[in-house]
Amino acid sequence: MKNRPPGRYGTCRCPRREIYQQVQQFIDGPRGARACLAVLAIAATALPLSAEAKPLTFGVQPQWSRERTQRMFQPLVDYLSEKTGQEIRLRVSEDYGGLLDEIASGVIDLAKIAPYGYVVARKTMGVRIFASELTMGRPFYHGLIITRRDSGLRSVEDLRGRSFSYTDPNSTSGFIYPRALLVSRGMDPDAYFAKSHYAGSHDACIRGVAAKDVDACATWDVALEDETNSALFGVDGDELQVVYRTEPIPNDAYVARSDLDPAIVEAVQSALFELSRDPELLKSVIDWKTRIDGFVPGDDAAYEVVRQKVALKDLKRRLAVLPFEAMGTELGVEDPGQAAAELLGTILFDARRFLMTERSQLDKALEEQRLSLQDLVDASTAIKVGHVVGADVLLTGSVMKIDGKVHITARLIETESARVVSAQHGKGDTLEQVATQVANDLAAEHEVTGFVLKVRNTENVALDLGSLQGVKAGDVLKLYREGEALIHPLTQKVLGTEEILLGEIVAVRTTPDTGFGKVVESTETVREGMRVRTLSKGEVTSRRSTDRIVAGYVSEEKTKYQPWVEKYAWRVAAIATIPAVWALAWGDDREKLIYGGIAGALWLTSGGIYLYGAVSRKDEPAVGVGGTF
């Protein structure tokens, strides 16, 4: 027997090759067949520990067309197979989301995955990142929004009411970043464009703009690098212009499923790093059109910026309101089920907890699925329709009248997990009264997440959560960051994501879209971009509930403390507004001081007495200051 000759990329050093060599030595030795059988028995038990018995599958999303992507990455996968001695097959998914589905189902073992896909796969599947790529010498790229030069469109603002093409709903530069951009500017991404669609790939997106099929599209700068314009897309780059460029986005992650043999992952990683050290070898296995020119160790922390954009995109989840089941005919309206659903949906939307799915979209989905509104009573059918219309959460329930009282039961169902995330029941004299009560209870259970916008000092921290998000002065918000995926030790199922609490911020004052607070405790230095959230129902703050012993207002605003306020608030305001009066008396806005309402608050904290005072005119945000004495 002869040893297998080395491949064109060098001799394999994997454990399985060493076992084959041991078998050769025993066969040539004096003990012959008996020794051979002994070694084969050892090999049979040892192989599963060091190599996969079945071929592995390397997954790639179709950044270009599937056919072009297959041609581009086949040489790389062939190289990895030869170098590691492990058979690896390339699989180009149908779309970006398809790659995630195939990783979750176990079809994919290794993958090159877009930044957003990595964030999702890490959180929900616990994949391990072992490398990231360099493109054009950089560990990052930029997302672009492009138009034709002759279109007259020069900015994102010019695109309002125009047609727009996203790349794919799971594309980082082609969907996540442009959508987050619109949300950050206070725009509703679903209403901003006259029409929008998914092109499916970057080349289709760019061709659509070049052919004037669409006014603008979201893509990435690697796809529009000068040399690739004509070579890949058959378009003249001079005809296109960039109207928006994102901040740096980390390059694609190279990941392995959570239970893949670490020895195999290390072998694949070493093979990739060898390409970085040998430019000629890299040129022979990496298609130049990919612009990949090296590999570096993967770093999960580098993708935190993407997580922030995902959170911004999802600050308001999309809600589909389904007709409620009406029991009885004594409710006094023509269609009580539909009326109750619309009332609750409107209140939840006004509370800024959700974006709403248009009724026309729901009707269209029902028509396509050949379903009726009555079919949505079945939970599995409702969830299926929710997926079709792109809803994150479904609102459903029932309404009835018992002993002269209107009863409403409402449930929020998460379409991704099919679990009921909130359920509320209310009763009262009228449909409107009960719907308002139940909707407010649902909104209170739905925590709101946001970000730290600016940090002057620990006494002055700006947030992107204000009164429109339900935050008011005195509310406690949790400061946190996401940690590792929580994986069950036996089933390997990802059960959630670790939340690492970093501290608390107390809101001092709010405007409709922003809040200002002070850090009451923190394990880390508070920085811009950190995450904050409101308390979930039943969650307690680390501050004692007796810390806040006085809170009152002297203004037209009604509060739950109103009886107490009417009796004592003038004394509290007189003391607590001293800092505000002192600050504003020497300011430029004396009119507010003279004509405005006065608000005061007093806290007793472990650090001393905290006083807050504010003044404002009716229908204007309060201006106030506070501090610990």
Foldseek 3Di string as FASTA:
>chain_A
DDQDDADPLGRAPFPLSVLVVVLVVQCPDDVHPVSNVVSVVVCVVCDVQGADPDAAEEEEECQDPQVVVCVQQVLVQVLLCRHHVGHYHYDYAQHLVRVLVCLVVVVHFKYFHFLLSVVVCQWFFVWAFFKAFAFLNHQWWKKFKKAFPPPPDQAPLSQFQFEEEAADCSHLQRHLVVLLVQLVVVHHVVRRYVYYYHLRHQLSRVVCRQVVVGGIGMHIVLCLPPVNCCVPRVGDSNRMDTNDIGDIAGGTTMTGGPPPNVNSVVSSSVSQQVCLVPVVVVPVRGDVSVSTRGMDTDDPVSSVVSVLSNLSSVLAFEEEFAFEAEDDDPQPDDRLRNVLSVLLVVLLVQLVNHHYQDVVLLVVLCVVVVHDSVVCVDLVVVLVSCVVSVGQKYKYWYWYADPQKIKTKIFIAGSVVRDTPDIDMFIDNHSNVGSNVRSVVVLQQRKGKWWFADDPDQFKTKIQDFVSNVDAAFFKKWWWDWDGFCADPPPRGGPGIDIGTFFIWGFHFGDNGMTITGTPGGPDDDDTGTMIMGDHPPDDHPFDPCQFPDFEWFDPDDDPCVVVRVPPVVVQQVPQQPQVCVVPVPPDPCVQVVAWTKTKGWGQGPQAIKIKIWTGHPPGTTDIHIDHD
